[in-house]
Protein backbone atom coordinates (compact mmCIF):
# COMPACT_ATOMS: atom_id res chain seq x y z
CA MET A 1 11.84 -33.16 -38.88
CA ILE A 2 8.34 -33.81 -37.54
CA ILE A 3 7.76 -35.27 -34.06
CA ASN A 4 4.30 -36.66 -33.27
CA LYS A 5 4.94 -37.97 -29.74
CA GLN A 6 7.51 -37.45 -27.00
CA GLU A 7 9.01 -40.94 -27.36
CA GLU A 8 10.18 -40.05 -30.86
CA LEU A 9 12.02 -37.00 -29.47
CA GLU A 10 13.54 -38.98 -26.59
CA ALA A 11 15.01 -41.45 -29.10
CA LEU A 12 17.13 -38.59 -30.49
CA ILE A 13 18.95 -37.87 -27.19
CA ASP A 14 22.69 -38.41 -27.60
CA SER A 15 25.32 -39.40 -25.02
CA ASN A 16 25.73 -35.77 -23.91
CA ASN A 17 22.01 -35.50 -23.12
CA ASP A 18 21.53 -33.26 -26.15
CA ILE A 19 19.10 -33.31 -29.04
CA ILE A 20 20.91 -31.75 -32.01
CA ILE A 21 18.99 -31.40 -35.24
CA GLU A 22 20.52 -29.57 -38.19
CA ASP A 23 17.09 -28.81 -39.60
CA ASP A 24 13.74 -27.35 -38.58
CA LEU A 25 11.95 -29.17 -35.76
CA ILE A 26 8.17 -29.42 -35.75
CA ILE A 27 6.67 -30.90 -32.58
CA ARG A 28 2.99 -31.87 -32.80
CA CYS A 29 2.60 -32.83 -29.15
CA ASP A 30 3.31 -31.41 -25.71
CA ILE A 31 6.82 -32.16 -24.48
CA ASN A 32 8.37 -32.28 -21.03
CA ILE A 33 11.94 -33.43 -21.40
CA ASP A 34 15.06 -33.14 -19.25
CA THR A 35 17.52 -32.46 -22.03
CA ASN A 36 18.87 -29.75 -24.33
CA ILE A 37 17.24 -29.01 -27.67
CA ASN A 38 19.23 -27.47 -30.51
CA ALA A 39 17.59 -26.95 -33.89
CA MET A 40 17.28 -24.44 -36.72
CA ASN A 41 13.67 -23.49 -36.02
CA ILE A 42 11.35 -24.96 -33.39
CA ASN A 43 7.59 -25.01 -33.92
CA ALA A 44 5.64 -26.62 -31.11
CA ARG A 45 2.63 -26.51 -28.83
CA ASN A 46 3.94 -26.62 -25.25
CA ILE A 47 7.67 -26.73 -24.49
CA ASN A 48 9.45 -27.59 -21.25
CA ALA A 49 13.15 -28.34 -21.63
CA VAL A 50 16.56 -27.64 -20.10
CA ASP A 51 18.18 -25.43 -22.76
CA ILE A 52 16.35 -24.20 -25.84
CA ASN A 53 18.56 -22.97 -28.68
CA ALA A 54 17.13 -22.12 -32.07
CA SER A 55 16.94 -19.49 -34.78
CA ASP A 56 13.20 -19.14 -34.24
CA ILE A 57 10.95 -20.53 -31.51
CA ASN A 58 7.25 -20.56 -32.38
CA ALA A 59 4.85 -22.12 -29.90
CA ARG A 60 1.18 -21.90 -29.06
CA ASN A 61 1.92 -21.90 -25.34
CA ILE A 62 5.07 -22.23 -23.28
CA ASN A 63 3.75 -23.42 -19.93
CA ALA A 64 5.88 -24.66 -17.08
CA VAL A 65 6.12 -24.53 -13.32
CA ASP A 66 9.69 -23.33 -13.90
CA ILE A 67 11.55 -22.47 -17.06
CA ASP A 68 15.16 -23.05 -16.06
CA ALA A 69 17.84 -22.72 -18.67
CA ARG A 70 21.45 -21.62 -18.81
CA ASN A 71 20.74 -19.76 -22.03
CA ILE A 72 17.63 -19.03 -24.08
CA ASN A 73 18.86 -17.94 -27.50
CA ALA A 74 16.61 -17.23 -30.44
CA VAL A 75 16.10 -14.78 -33.25
CA ASP A 76 12.38 -14.64 -32.50
CA ILE A 77 10.37 -16.05 -29.61
CA LYS A 78 6.68 -16.13 -30.48
CA ALA A 79 3.91 -17.60 -28.36
CA VAL A 80 0.30 -16.93 -27.53
CA ASP A 81 1.04 -17.18 -23.80
CA ILE A 82 4.24 -17.66 -21.83
CA ASN A 83 3.29 -18.79 -18.34
CA ALA A 84 5.67 -19.90 -15.62
CA SER A 85 6.10 -19.61 -11.88
CA ASP A 86 9.77 -18.73 -12.43
CA ILE A 87 11.78 -17.97 -15.53
CA ASN A 88 15.44 -18.41 -14.65
CA ALA A 89 18.16 -18.08 -17.23
CA ARG A 90 21.73 -16.86 -17.33
CA ASN A 91 21.06 -15.02 -20.59
CA ILE A 92 17.90 -14.35 -22.56
CA ASN A 93 18.87 -13.12 -26.01
CA ALA A 94 16.38 -12.50 -28.78
CA VAL A 95 15.81 -10.02 -31.57
CA ASP A 96 12.10 -9.94 -30.76
CA ILE A 97 9.97 -11.50 -28.04
CA ASN A 98 6.31 -11.53 -29.05
CA ALA A 99 3.55 -12.93 -26.88
CA ARG A 100 -0.02 -12.08 -25.98
CA ASN A 101 0.77 -12.40 -22.29
CA ILE A 102 3.97 -13.04 -20.35
CA ASN A 103 3.10 -14.08 -16.80
CA ALA A 104 5.65 -15.10 -14.23
CA VAL A 105 6.14 -14.84 -10.50
CA ASP A 106 9.84 -14.07 -11.01
CA ILE A 107 11.93 -13.38 -14.08
CA LYS A 108 15.62 -13.71 -13.24
CA ALA A 109 18.47 -13.37 -15.67
CA VAL A 110 21.96 -11.95 -15.80
CA ASP A 111 21.07 -10.10 -19.01
CA ILE A 112 17.82 -9.68 -20.91
CA LYS A 113 18.50 -8.32 -24.38
CA ALA A 114 15.81 -7.91 -26.99
CA GLY A 115 15.03 -5.51 -29.80
CA ASP A 116 11.38 -5.39 -28.75
CA ILE A 117 9.40 -7.16 -26.06
CA ASN A 118 5.84 -7.05 -27.34
CA ALA A 119 3.04 -8.38 -25.19
CA GLY A 120 -0.48 -7.48 -24.18
CA ASP A 121 0.65 -7.80 -20.58
CA ILE A 122 4.04 -8.42 -19.03
CA LYS A 123 3.26 -9.30 -15.44
CA ALA A 124 5.95 -10.31 -13.00
CA GLY A 125 6.34 -10.17 -9.26
CA ASP A 126 10.01 -9.31 -9.65
CA ILE A 127 12.31 -8.78 -12.59
CA ASN A 128 15.93 -9.23 -11.55
CA ALA A 129 18.53 -8.76 -14.24
CA GLY A 130 21.88 -7.26 -15.04
CA ASP A 131 20.89 -5.04 -17.95
CA ILE A 132 17.48 -4.73 -19.58
CA ASN A 133 17.07 -3.40 -23.11
CA ALA A 134 13.49 -3.50 -24.30
CA GLY A 135 10.49 -1.70 -25.71
CA ASP A 136 7.90 -1.32 -22.94
CA ILE A 137 8.10 -2.88 -19.47
CA LYS A 138 5.25 -3.43 -16.98
CA ALA A 139 6.03 -5.25 -13.77
CA GLY A 140 5.61 -5.38 -10.01
CA ASP A 141 9.20 -4.73 -8.95
CA ILE A 142 12.17 -4.16 -11.25
CA LYS A 143 15.72 -4.64 -9.98
CA ALA A 144 18.41 -4.27 -12.60
CA GLY A 145 21.73 -2.74 -13.56
CA ASP A 146 20.89 -0.43 -16.44
CA ILE A 147 17.46 -0.13 -18.05
CA ASN A 148 16.91 1.17 -21.58
CA ALA A 149 13.29 1.00 -22.60
CA GLY A 150 10.31 2.75 -24.13
CA ASP A 151 7.79 3.22 -21.32
CA ILE A 152 8.25 1.76 -17.85
CA LYS A 153 5.46 1.08 -15.33
CA ALA A 154 6.19 -0.70 -12.08
CA GLY A 155 5.55 -0.94 -8.36
CA ASP A 156 9.17 -0.34 -7.32
CA ILE A 157 12.18 0.33 -9.55
CA ASN A 158 15.72 -0.13 -8.22
CA ALA A 159 18.32 0.21 -10.92
CA GLY A 160 21.56 1.84 -12.04
CA ASP A 161 20.98 4.15 -14.98
CA ILE A 162 17.48 4.39 -16.43
CA GLU A 163 16.83 5.75 -19.90
CA TYR A 164 13.30 5.70 -21.28
CA TYR A 165 11.43 7.13 -24.24
CA ALA A 166 8.35 9.04 -23.04
CA ALA A 167 7.26 8.04 -19.55
CA CYS A 168 8.59 6.19 -16.54
CA TYR A 169 6.65 5.90 -13.31
CA ALA A 170 6.36 3.76 -10.22
CA TYR A 171 3.58 3.43 -7.70
CA ASN A 172 5.90 3.30 -4.69
CA SER A 173 9.49 4.38 -5.37
CA ILE A 174 12.23 4.82 -7.94
CA ILE A 175 15.82 4.36 -6.76
CA CYS A 176 18.53 4.80 -9.38
CA LYS A 177 21.87 6.41 -10.21
CA SER A 178 20.37 8.52 -13.00
CA ILE A 179 17.14 8.81 -14.95
CA LYS A 180 16.39 10.58 -18.20
CA GLY A 181 13.88 10.57 -21.03
CA GLN A 182 14.63 10.68 -24.73
CA ARG A 183 11.88 13.16 -25.58
CA THR A 184 12.07 16.83 -24.58
CA ASN A 185 8.67 16.56 -22.87
CA SER A 186 9.21 13.12 -21.33
CA LYS A 187 8.20 12.63 -17.69
CA HIS A 188 9.17 10.38 -14.79
CA PHE A 189 7.40 10.43 -11.45
CA VAL A 190 6.34 8.45 -8.39
CA LEU A 191 2.73 8.22 -7.21
CA ASP A 192 3.54 7.27 -3.60
CA GLY A 193 6.95 7.40 -1.95
CA GLU A 194 9.81 9.26 -3.58
CA LEU A 195 12.46 9.34 -6.28
CA LYS A 196 15.94 8.74 -4.86
CA ILE A 197 19.22 9.21 -6.73
CA LYS A 198 21.88 6.79 -5.44
CA GLU A 199 25.42 7.89 -4.75
CA GLU A 200 28.07 6.46 -7.08
CA ASP A 201 29.53 4.20 -4.40
CA ALA A 202 26.16 3.00 -3.11
CA LYS A 203 25.37 -0.67 -3.45
């Protein structure tokens, strides 16, 4: 299905405030719509919606003041830039997240699960999540349950168990229950401040 203007998409909203399309959805205009979008594959320019559910999401830019969704589910999320003041979601699940830049003031989710998060820059004031499984992570502050990633670079890291591939470092401090690298010569360190191992019963 091809959509050339937002009014055509709005006409598809059902009584449950959902847009359900059992086919690929191609959107040839910017959309800002207070509804849920469910389709096989979504190809668009700029997307701002309540829930986005699709096999693949391909967009030139995903720009929003806030991206608020209960769930963001996709096999692949591909965009040139993903820009938002806040990205808030209960779950972000994707096989791959590919973008030139991911810029957000805050990224908040219960779980962020992805095979690879590939971006020129991942810049966030804070990343707050339950568990993070990703390739490389670069952020201001990271607060999470368990982190499994390739290389980690951040201002402050406060997490449960941290497992990384080759290098993990913070400018200010690393606070965690445990930290280990996958390579025999892997390194983790703090430039300023210190590395603190939390007690098991610590909050």
